[in-house]
Amino acid sequence: MTDNHAANRALVTPGDRYGARIARNSSAVALQAQLIAQETANLAEAFEHFANDGAPAAAAAATVAARRRFITGAGKSFAYASLLATDLSAGLSHVTLVDGAIVRPLDLLSELRQTDLLIAFSFRRYRRETISVATEFARSGGTVIAITDDASAPLASIADQTIVVPTDSASYADSPTTVAATIHLLSTLTTASAKGARRRLTERDRISDALGIYQET
């Protein structure tokens, strides 16, 4: 763990981070430079780590092998889950976003199969509902992939595979930049190795044109 990461982890809440990082007399130019430097460092760290440990590639293989894929996250992590579900469903069948309304955790866990897979997003401050669902999913025999911000995060001890994403930031909010990049990498690797992905994407293009979904430019 780097000193910078340890310092970031010590600032637990957005209020803590704002007080430590956002000075009233700081210029927008200086703050922008700090943010750009940190986001660039995060991406470099993540990509180097992924190239060495192969976590996204292993997660992609597990996702392709699963019969049904469920994706969950709460709070800000729900936005990440929605993005991954949208990208994966373009090339794979049986991709379901657990939104708590149309698809509820209780319904999912009541009909869980051992060939099912759950991708769970969990970033600090870690939401209890995500941890509870992932715990029960794993207990029932399903495969859990965690995408989280620290090797010691709660989901890491539950998951079959864990992708650790650096979210250190110069802002009051933890960085979403590398999370989005990780989602892009994971969805691309998964779709590239999924049987029938090209046919599915081509058919979606045809249906989109037939329905007039997109505005011509």
C-alpha atoms as a PDB file:
ATOM      1  CA  MET A   1       0.000   0.000   0.000  1.00  0.00           C
ATOM      2  CA  THR A   2       1.442   3.375  -0.988  1.00  0.00           C
ATOM      3  CA  ASP A   3       1.525   6.313   1.407  1.00  0.00           C
ATOM      4  CA  ASN A   4      -0.880   8.163  -0.874  1.00  0.00           C
ATOM      5  CA  HIS A   5      -3.361   5.268  -0.824  1.00  0.00           C
ATOM      6  CA  ALA A   6      -3.121   4.982   2.964  1.00  0.00           C
ATOM      7  CA  ALA A   7      -3.772   8.717   3.320  1.00  0.00           C
ATOM      8  CA  ASN A   8      -6.763   8.441   1.010  1.00  0.00           C
ATOM      9  CA  ARG A   9      -8.204   5.525   2.990  1.00  0.00           C
ATOM     10  CA  ALA A  10      -7.875   7.530   6.206  1.00  0.00           C
ATOM     11  CA  LEU A  11     -10.281  10.160   4.818  1.00  0.00           C
ATOM     12  CA  VAL A  12     -13.446   8.103   5.155  1.00  0.00           C
ATOM     13  CA  THR A  13     -16.278  10.468   4.240  1.00  0.00           C
ATOM     14  CA  PRO A  14     -16.754  13.042   1.458  1.00  0.00           C
ATOM     15  CA  GLY A  15     -16.825  15.695   4.181  1.00  0.00           C
ATOM     16  CA  ASP A  16     -13.447  14.542   5.480  1.00  0.00           C
ATOM     17  CA  ARG A  17     -11.988  14.647   2.003  1.00  0.00           C
ATOM     18  CA  TYR A  18     -13.432  18.063   1.192  1.00  0.00           C
ATOM     19  CA  GLY A  19     -11.945  19.546   4.340  1.00  0.00           C
ATOM     20  CA  ALA A  20      -8.527  18.056   3.615  1.00  0.00           C
ATOM     21  CA  ARG A  21      -8.324  18.760  -0.117  1.00  0.00           C
ATOM     22  CA  ILE A  22     -10.499  21.644  -1.250  1.00  0.00           C
ATOM     23  CA  ALA A  23      -9.005  24.935  -0.118  1.00  0.00           C
ATOM     24  CA  ARG A  24     -11.190  28.019  -0.396  1.00  0.00           C
ATOM     25  CA  ASN A  25      -8.374  30.024  -1.941  1.00  0.00           C
ATOM     26  CA  SER A  26      -7.158  27.336  -4.371  1.00  0.00           C
ATOM     27  CA  SER A  27      -7.441  28.148  -8.056  1.00  0.00           C
ATOM     28  CA  ALA A  28      -9.384  26.063 -10.539  1.00  0.00           C
ATOM     29  CA  VAL A  29      -6.207  25.643 -12.581  1.00  0.00           C
ATOM     30  CA  ALA A  30      -4.274  24.194  -9.629  1.00  0.00           C
ATOM     31  CA  LEU A  31      -7.108  21.869  -8.645  1.00  0.00           C
ATOM     32  CA  GLN A  32      -7.529  20.701 -12.226  1.00  0.00           C
ATOM     33  CA  ALA A  33      -3.821  19.877 -12.433  1.00  0.00           C
ATOM     34  CA  GLN A  34      -4.008  17.836  -9.233  1.00  0.00           C
ATOM     35  CA  LEU A  35      -7.043  15.922 -10.457  1.00  0.00           C
ATOM     36  CA  ILE A  36      -5.508  15.164 -13.857  1.00  0.00           C
ATOM     37  CA  ALA A  37      -2.284  13.941 -12.258  1.00  0.00           C
ATOM     38  CA  GLN A  38      -4.118  11.633  -9.849  1.00  0.00           C
ATOM     39  CA  GLU A  39      -6.480  10.213 -12.479  1.00  0.00           C
ATOM     40  CA  THR A  40      -3.548   9.550 -14.810  1.00  0.00           C
ATOM     41  CA  ALA A  41      -1.680   7.775 -12.002  1.00  0.00           C
ATOM     42  CA  ASN A  42      -4.736   5.662 -11.165  1.00  0.00           C
ATOM     43  CA  LEU A  43      -5.125   4.456 -14.739  1.00  0.00           C
ATOM     44  CA  ALA A  44      -1.433   3.622 -15.061  1.00  0.00           C
ATOM     45  CA  GLU A  45      -1.476   1.721 -11.768  1.00  0.00           C
ATOM     46  CA  ALA A  46      -4.610  -0.220 -12.660  1.00  0.00           C
ATOM     47  CA  PHE A  47      -3.509  -1.218 -16.145  1.00  0.00           C
ATOM     48  CA  GLU A  48      -0.086  -2.330 -14.942  1.00  0.00           C
ATOM     49  CA  HIS A  49      -1.699  -4.376 -12.177  1.00  0.00           C
ATOM     50  CA  PHE A  50      -4.237  -5.950 -14.539  1.00  0.00           C
ATOM     51  CA  ALA A  51      -1.513  -6.875 -17.021  1.00  0.00           C
ATOM     52  CA  ASN A  52       0.386  -8.674 -14.254  1.00  0.00           C
ATOM     53  CA  ASP A  53      -2.403 -10.408 -12.329  1.00  0.00           C
ATOM     54  CA  GLY A  54      -4.904 -11.011 -15.157  1.00  0.00           C
ATOM     55  CA  ALA A  55      -7.932 -10.430 -12.919  1.00  0.00           C
ATOM     56  CA  PRO A  56     -10.193  -8.882 -15.609  1.00  0.00           C
ATOM     57  CA  ALA A  57      -9.363 -11.668 -18.077  1.00  0.00           C
ATOM     58  CA  ALA A  58     -10.148 -14.331 -15.462  1.00  0.00           C
ATOM     59  CA  ALA A  59     -13.389 -12.562 -14.553  1.00  0.00           C
ATOM     60  CA  ALA A  60     -14.349 -12.377 -18.232  1.00  0.00           C
ATOM     61  CA  ALA A  61     -13.800 -16.124 -18.650  1.00  0.00           C
ATOM     62  CA  ALA A  62     -15.958 -16.862 -15.622  1.00  0.00           C
ATOM     63  CA  THR A  63     -18.689 -14.546 -16.911  1.00  0.00           C
ATOM     64  CA  VAL A  64     -18.772 -16.260 -20.302  1.00  0.00           C
ATOM     65  CA  ALA A  65     -18.879 -19.696 -18.645  1.00  0.00           C
ATOM     66  CA  ALA A  66     -21.856 -18.818 -16.433  1.00  0.00           C
ATOM     67  CA  ARG A  67     -25.391 -19.723 -17.478  1.00  0.00           C
ATOM     68  CA  ARG A  68     -26.954 -16.568 -16.024  1.00  0.00           C
ATOM     69  CA  ARG A  69     -25.174 -13.330 -15.086  1.00  0.00           C
ATOM     70  CA  PHE A  70     -26.457 -10.968 -12.422  1.00  0.00           C
ATOM     71  CA  ILE A  71     -24.964  -7.565 -11.681  1.00  0.00           C
ATOM     72  CA  THR A  72     -25.519  -5.555  -8.522  1.00  0.00           C
ATOM     73  CA  GLY A  73     -24.377  -2.495  -6.627  1.00  0.00           C
ATOM     74  CA  ALA A  74     -25.963   0.050  -4.305  1.00  0.00           C
ATOM     75  CA  GLY A  75     -25.771   3.815  -4.120  1.00  0.00           C
ATOM     76  CA  LYS A  76     -23.118   5.195  -6.463  1.00  0.00           C
ATOM     77  CA  SER A  77     -22.108   1.610  -7.283  1.00  0.00           C
ATOM     78  CA  PHE A  78     -25.524   1.050  -8.858  1.00  0.00           C
ATOM     79  CA  ALA A  79     -24.451   3.403 -11.645  1.00  0.00           C
ATOM     80  CA  TYR A  80     -21.408   1.207 -12.270  1.00  0.00           C
ATOM     81  CA  ALA A  81     -23.558  -1.923 -12.228  1.00  0.00           C
ATOM     82  CA  SER A  82     -25.964  -0.337 -14.715  1.00  0.00           C
ATOM     83  CA  LEU A  83     -23.118   0.565 -17.078  1.00  0.00           C
ATOM     84  CA  LEU A  84     -21.671  -2.948 -17.041  1.00  0.00           C
ATOM     85  CA  ALA A  85     -25.101  -4.561 -17.469  1.00  0.00           C
ATOM     86  CA  THR A  86     -25.825  -2.328 -20.455  1.00  0.00           C
ATOM     87  CA  ASP A  87     -22.531  -3.120 -22.157  1.00  0.00           C
ATOM     88  CA  LEU A  88     -22.618  -6.864 -21.430  1.00  0.00           C
ATOM     89  CA  SER A  89     -26.230  -7.351 -22.522  1.00  0.00           C
ATOM     90  CA  ALA A  90     -25.364  -6.118 -26.013  1.00  0.00           C
ATOM     91  CA  GLY A  91     -23.271  -9.201 -26.666  1.00  0.00           C
ATOM     92  CA  LEU A  92     -24.452 -11.794 -24.136  1.00  0.00           C
ATOM     93  CA  SER A  93     -27.786 -13.290 -23.197  1.00  0.00           C
ATOM     94  CA  HIS A  94     -29.059 -13.765 -19.645  1.00  0.00           C
ATOM     95  CA  VAL A  95     -27.563 -10.575 -18.230  1.00  0.00           C
ATOM     96  CA  THR A  96     -29.713  -9.120 -15.456  1.00  0.00           C
ATOM     97  CA  LEU A  97     -29.299  -5.931 -13.430  1.00  0.00           C
ATOM     98  CA  VAL A  98     -30.446  -6.433  -9.844  1.00  0.00           C
ATOM     99  CA  ASP A  99     -32.165  -3.095  -9.301  1.00  0.00           C
ATOM    100  CA  GLY A 100     -34.121  -3.847  -6.145  1.00  0.00           C
ATOM    101  CA  ALA A 101     -37.435  -3.015  -7.818  1.00  0.00           C
ATOM    102  CA  ILE A 102     -38.089  -5.107 -10.933  1.00  0.00           C
ATOM    103  CA  VAL A 103     -35.410  -7.627  -9.989  1.00  0.00           C
ATOM    104  CA  ARG A 104     -35.155  -7.965  -6.229  1.00  0.00           C
ATOM    105  CA  PRO A 105     -32.392  -9.755  -4.303  1.00  0.00           C
ATOM    106  CA  LEU A 106     -34.982 -11.983  -2.595  1.00  0.00           C
ATOM    107  CA  ASP A 107     -36.300 -13.187  -5.961  1.00  0.00           C
ATOM    108  CA  LEU A 108     -32.790 -13.820  -7.253  1.00  0.00           C
ATOM    109  CA  LEU A 109     -31.604 -15.738  -4.209  1.00  0.00           C
ATOM    110  CA  SER A 110     -34.777 -17.836  -4.060  1.00  0.00           C
ATOM    111  CA  GLU A 111     -34.083 -19.317  -7.505  1.00  0.00           C
ATOM    112  CA  LEU A 112     -30.298 -19.378  -7.509  1.00  0.00           C
ATOM    113  CA  ARG A 113     -28.453 -22.062  -9.475  1.00  0.00           C
ATOM    114  CA  GLN A 114     -24.835 -23.112  -9.108  1.00  0.00           C
ATOM    115  CA  THR A 115     -24.206 -22.097 -12.730  1.00  0.00           C
ATOM    116  CA  ASP A 116     -25.185 -18.489 -11.902  1.00  0.00           C
ATOM    117  CA  LEU A 117     -22.681 -15.673 -11.502  1.00  0.00           C
ATOM    118  CA  LEU A 118     -22.929 -12.389  -9.599  1.00  0.00           C
ATOM    119  CA  ILE A 119     -20.748  -9.380 -10.359  1.00  0.00           C
ATOM    120  CA  ALA A 120     -20.948  -7.073  -7.344  1.00  0.00           C
ATOM    121  CA  PHE A 121     -19.657  -3.507  -7.191  1.00  0.00           C
ATOM    122  CA  SER A 122     -18.763  -2.322  -3.714  1.00  0.00           C
ATOM    123  CA  PHE A 123     -16.792   0.813  -2.907  1.00  0.00           C
ATOM    124  CA  ARG A 124     -16.419   2.626   0.356  1.00  0.00           C
ATOM    125  CA  ARG A 125     -18.425   3.375   2.300  1.00  0.00           C
ATOM    126  CA  TYR A 126     -19.471  -0.229   1.716  1.00  0.00           C
ATOM    127  CA  ARG A 127     -23.217  -0.764   1.516  1.00  0.00           C
ATOM    128  CA  ARG A 128     -24.538  -3.575   3.709  1.00  0.00           C
ATOM    129  CA  GLU A 129     -27.111  -4.796   1.185  1.00  0.00           C
ATOM    130  CA  THR A 130     -24.476  -5.573  -1.438  1.00  0.00           C
ATOM    131  CA  ILE A 131     -22.364  -7.496   1.054  1.00  0.00           C
ATOM    132  CA  SER A 132     -25.400  -9.428   2.305  1.00  0.00           C
ATOM    133  CA  VAL A 133     -26.554 -10.399  -1.198  1.00  0.00           C
ATOM    134  CA  ALA A 134     -23.056 -11.466  -2.253  1.00  0.00           C
ATOM    135  CA  THR A 135     -22.615 -13.491   0.935  1.00  0.00           C
ATOM    136  CA  GLU A 136     -25.867 -15.378   0.421  1.00  0.00           C
ATOM    137  CA  PHE A 137     -25.156 -15.839  -3.287  1.00  0.00           C
ATOM    138  CA  ALA A 138     -21.792 -17.458  -2.501  1.00  0.00           C
ATOM    139  CA  ARG A 139     -23.291 -19.550   0.316  1.00  0.00           C
ATOM    140  CA  SER A 140     -25.865 -20.928  -2.117  1.00  0.00           C
ATOM    141  CA  GLY A 141     -23.178 -22.092  -4.552  1.00  0.00           C
ATOM    142  CA  GLY A 142     -23.084 -19.294  -7.117  1.00  0.00           C
ATOM    143  CA  THR A 143     -19.895 -17.634  -8.328  1.00  0.00           C
ATOM    144  CA  VAL A 144     -19.185 -14.115  -7.056  1.00  0.00           C
ATOM    145  CA  ILE A 145     -16.902 -11.612  -8.748  1.00  0.00           C
ATOM    146  CA  ALA A 146     -16.166  -8.514  -6.676  1.00  0.00           C
ATOM    147  CA  ILE A 147     -15.143  -5.189  -8.159  1.00  0.00           C
ATOM    148  CA  THR A 148     -13.947  -3.092  -5.249  1.00  0.00           C
ATOM    149  CA  ASP A 149     -11.351  -0.553  -4.164  1.00  0.00           C
ATOM    150  CA  ASP A 150      -9.119  -2.425  -1.735  1.00  0.00           C
ATOM    151  CA  ALA A 151      -7.835  -5.966  -1.238  1.00  0.00           C
ATOM    152  CA  SER A 152      -9.138  -5.876   2.338  1.00  0.00           C
ATOM    153  CA  ALA A 153     -12.637  -4.620   1.393  1.00  0.00           C
ATOM    154  CA  PRO A 154     -15.546  -6.695   2.745  1.00  0.00           C
ATOM    155  CA  LEU A 155     -16.399  -8.318  -0.601  1.00  0.00           C
ATOM    156  CA  ALA A 156     -12.837  -9.558  -1.133  1.00  0.00           C
ATOM    157  CA  SER A 157     -13.227 -12.268   1.500  1.00  0.00           C
ATOM    158  CA  ILE A 158     -16.535 -13.416  -0.019  1.00  0.00           C
ATOM    159  CA  ALA A 159     -15.772 -13.411  -3.733  1.00  0.00           C
ATOM    160  CA  ASP A 160     -14.335 -16.188  -5.861  1.00  0.00           C
ATOM    161  CA  GLN A 161     -12.479 -13.526  -7.833  1.00  0.00           C
ATOM    162  CA  THR A 162     -11.723  -9.910  -6.962  1.00  0.00           C
ATOM    163  CA  ILE A 163     -10.792  -7.020  -9.214  1.00  0.00           C
ATOM    164  CA  VAL A 164      -9.195  -4.244  -7.160  1.00  0.00           C
ATOM    165  CA  VAL A 165      -9.605  -0.811  -8.731  1.00  0.00           C
ATOM    166  CA  PRO A 166      -7.685   2.245  -7.488  1.00  0.00           C
ATOM    167  CA  THR A 167     -10.026   5.124  -6.666  1.00  0.00           C
ATOM    168  CA  ASP A 168      -7.639   7.550  -4.953  1.00  0.00           C
ATOM    169  CA  SER A 169      -8.567  11.134  -5.741  1.00  0.00           C
ATOM    170  CA  ALA A 170      -7.648  14.764  -5.296  1.00  0.00           C
ATOM    171  CA  SER A 171     -11.365  15.514  -4.915  1.00  0.00           C
ATOM    172  CA  TYR A 172     -13.943  15.144  -2.153  1.00  0.00           C
ATOM    173  CA  ALA A 173     -15.343  12.180  -4.127  1.00  0.00           C
ATOM    174  CA  ASP A 174     -13.424   8.969  -4.728  1.00  0.00           C
ATOM    175  CA  SER A 175     -12.488   8.644  -8.377  1.00  0.00           C
ATOM    176  CA  PRO A 176     -14.831   6.862 -10.829  1.00  0.00           C
ATOM    177  CA  THR A 177     -12.353   7.083 -13.723  1.00  0.00           C
ATOM    178  CA  THR A 178     -10.606   3.737 -13.336  1.00  0.00           C
ATOM    179  CA  VAL A 179     -13.873   2.024 -12.417  1.00  0.00           C
ATOM    180  CA  ALA A 180     -15.309   3.065 -15.784  1.00  0.00           C
ATOM    181  CA  ALA A 181     -12.115   1.925 -17.533  1.00  0.00           C
ATOM    182  CA  THR A 182     -12.308  -1.434 -15.760  1.00  0.00           C
ATOM    183  CA  ILE A 183     -15.923  -1.870 -16.826  1.00  0.00           C
ATOM    184  CA  HIS A 184     -14.932  -1.126 -20.411  1.00  0.00           C
ATOM    185  CA  LEU A 185     -12.084  -3.636 -20.251  1.00  0.00           C
ATOM    186  CA  LEU A 186     -14.198  -6.352 -18.636  1.00  0.00           C
ATOM    187  CA  SER A 187     -17.145  -5.960 -21.006  1.00  0.00           C
ATOM    188  CA  THR A 188     -14.857  -5.976 -24.044  1.00  0.00           C
ATOM    189  CA  LEU A 189     -12.937  -9.092 -22.971  1.00  0.00           C
ATOM    190  CA  THR A 190     -16.174 -10.887 -22.123  1.00  0.00           C
ATOM    191  CA  THR A 191     -17.990 -10.015 -25.332  1.00  0.00           C
ATOM    192  CA  ALA A 192     -14.964 -10.836 -27.469  1.00  0.00           C
ATOM    193  CA  SER A 193     -14.928 -14.426 -26.194  1.00  0.00           C
ATOM    194  CA  ALA A 194     -18.705 -14.972 -26.002  1.00  0.00           C
ATOM    195  CA  LYS A 195     -20.183 -17.373 -28.522  1.00  0.00           C
ATOM    196  CA  GLY A 196     -22.750 -15.654 -30.720  1.00  0.00           C
ATOM    197  CA  ALA A 197     -21.798 -12.121 -29.690  1.00  0.00           C
ATOM    198  CA  ARG A 198     -21.294 -10.936 -33.264  1.00  0.00           C
ATOM    199  CA  ARG A 199     -24.646 -12.347 -34.382  1.00  0.00           C
ATOM    200  CA  ARG A 200     -26.365 -10.806 -31.375  1.00  0.00           C
ATOM    201  CA  LEU A 201     -24.821  -7.372 -31.980  1.00  0.00           C
ATOM    202  CA  THR A 202     -25.755  -7.483 -35.663  1.00  0.00           C
ATOM    203  CA  GLU A 203     -29.343  -8.396 -34.852  1.00  0.00           C
ATOM    204  CA  ARG A 204     -29.575  -5.604 -32.284  1.00  0.00           C
ATOM    205  CA  ASP A 205     -28.408  -3.166 -34.965  1.00  0.00           C
ATOM    206  CA  ARG A 206     -31.158  -4.385 -37.290  1.00  0.00           C
ATOM    207  CA  ILE A 207     -33.842  -4.101 -34.612  1.00  0.00           C
ATOM    208  CA  SER A 208     -32.629  -0.644 -33.559  1.00  0.00           C
ATOM    209  CA  ASP A 209     -32.987   0.548 -37.146  1.00  0.00           C
ATOM    210  CA  ALA A 210     -36.439  -1.029 -37.460  1.00  0.00           C
ATOM    211  CA  LEU A 211     -37.636   0.674 -34.276  1.00  0.00           C
ATOM    212  CA  GLY A 212     -36.079   4.016 -35.187  1.00  0.00           C
ATOM    213  CA  ILE A 213     -34.379   4.258 -31.818  1.00  0.00           C
ATOM    214  CA  TYR A 214     -31.557   6.569 -32.833  1.00  0.00           C
ATOM    215  CA  GLN A 215     -31.657  10.027 -34.371  1.00  0.00           C
ATOM    216  CA  GLU A 216     -29.954  10.237 -37.751  1.00  0.00           C
ATOM    217  CA  THR A 217     -27.015  12.660 -37.843  1.00  0.00           C
END
